[in-house]
Protein backbone atom coordinates (compact mmCIF):
# COMPACT_ATOMS: atom_id res chain seq x y z
CA MET A 1 20.53 -46.74 24.56
CA ASN A 2 22.70 -48.45 27.09
CA GLN A 3 24.07 -51.85 26.30
CA ILE A 4 24.28 -54.73 28.73
CA LYS A 5 27.43 -56.82 28.49
CA LYS A 6 27.21 -60.50 29.35
CA SER A 7 29.94 -63.12 29.46
CA LEU A 8 29.47 -66.65 28.20
CA VAL A 9 31.34 -69.62 26.81
CA LEU A 10 30.94 -70.41 23.11
CA SER A 11 32.45 -73.64 21.84
CA GLY A 12 34.75 -73.76 24.86
CA HIS A 13 35.95 -70.15 24.53
CA LYS A 14 35.07 -67.32 26.89
CA THR A 15 33.57 -64.27 25.20
CA SER A 16 31.31 -61.37 26.00
CA ILE A 17 28.47 -59.80 24.08
CA ALA A 18 27.06 -56.30 24.49
CA LEU A 19 23.42 -55.86 23.46
CA GLU A 20 20.65 -53.48 24.36
CA LYS A 21 18.28 -54.63 27.10
CA GLU A 22 15.47 -55.18 24.60
CA PHE A 23 17.57 -57.65 22.60
CA TRP A 24 18.43 -59.64 25.74
CA ILE A 25 14.70 -59.79 26.56
CA ALA A 26 13.93 -60.96 23.02
CA LEU A 27 16.61 -63.66 23.25
CA GLU A 28 15.09 -64.87 26.51
CA ILE A 29 11.64 -65.08 24.89
CA ILE A 30 12.99 -66.99 21.88
CA SER A 31 15.03 -69.37 24.04
CA LYS A 32 12.00 -70.12 26.22
CA ASN A 33 9.81 -70.69 23.16
CA GLN A 34 12.40 -73.08 21.73
CA ASN A 35 13.05 -74.71 25.12
CA ILE A 36 16.79 -74.09 24.80
CA ASP A 37 19.30 -72.42 27.10
CA ILE A 38 20.11 -68.86 26.00
CA ASP A 39 23.85 -69.69 25.80
CA LYS A 40 23.08 -72.63 23.48
CA LEU A 41 20.87 -70.40 21.35
CA ILE A 42 23.68 -67.86 20.99
CA GLU A 43 26.08 -70.68 20.13
CA GLU A 44 23.72 -71.80 17.34
CA ILE A 45 23.48 -68.23 16.04
CA ASP A 46 27.28 -68.00 16.12
CA ARG A 47 27.64 -71.28 14.23
CA ASN A 48 24.82 -70.91 11.69
CA ASP A 49 23.85 -67.27 11.16
CA ARG A 50 27.01 -65.24 11.60
CA ASN A 51 28.28 -63.08 8.72
CA GLY A 52 29.71 -60.17 10.73
CA SER A 53 29.97 -59.50 14.41
CA LEU A 54 28.17 -61.82 16.79
CA ALA A 55 26.13 -58.94 18.21
CA SER A 56 24.92 -58.03 14.72
CA ALA A 57 24.12 -61.66 13.94
CA ILE A 58 22.04 -61.88 17.11
CA ARG A 59 20.12 -58.72 16.26
CA VAL A 60 19.35 -59.96 12.73
CA PHE A 61 18.34 -63.38 14.09
CA ILE A 62 15.90 -61.73 16.49
CA LEU A 63 14.49 -59.48 13.79
CA LYS A 64 13.89 -62.47 11.51
CA LYS A 65 12.14 -64.36 14.31
CA PHE A 66 9.83 -61.49 15.15
CA ILE A 67 8.86 -60.78 11.55
CA ASN A 68 8.55 -64.50 10.74
CA LEU A 69 11.33 -64.73 8.17
CA ASP A 70 12.91 -67.74 9.82
């Protein structure tokens, strides 16, 4: 699977995240459902749910949302 790399600013620092297209789509769905900007959602994941890499934390966050663990 090809990853899509996107740049954003987290807590005032520029960074980039590479995720598969399906994860970007899932993040968009979650951000719309929560009425929050996708960058703000990623910032919350970074701040609250990160134990390893940010990309891994995002994937686990999405998985939990879609199987109703969170």
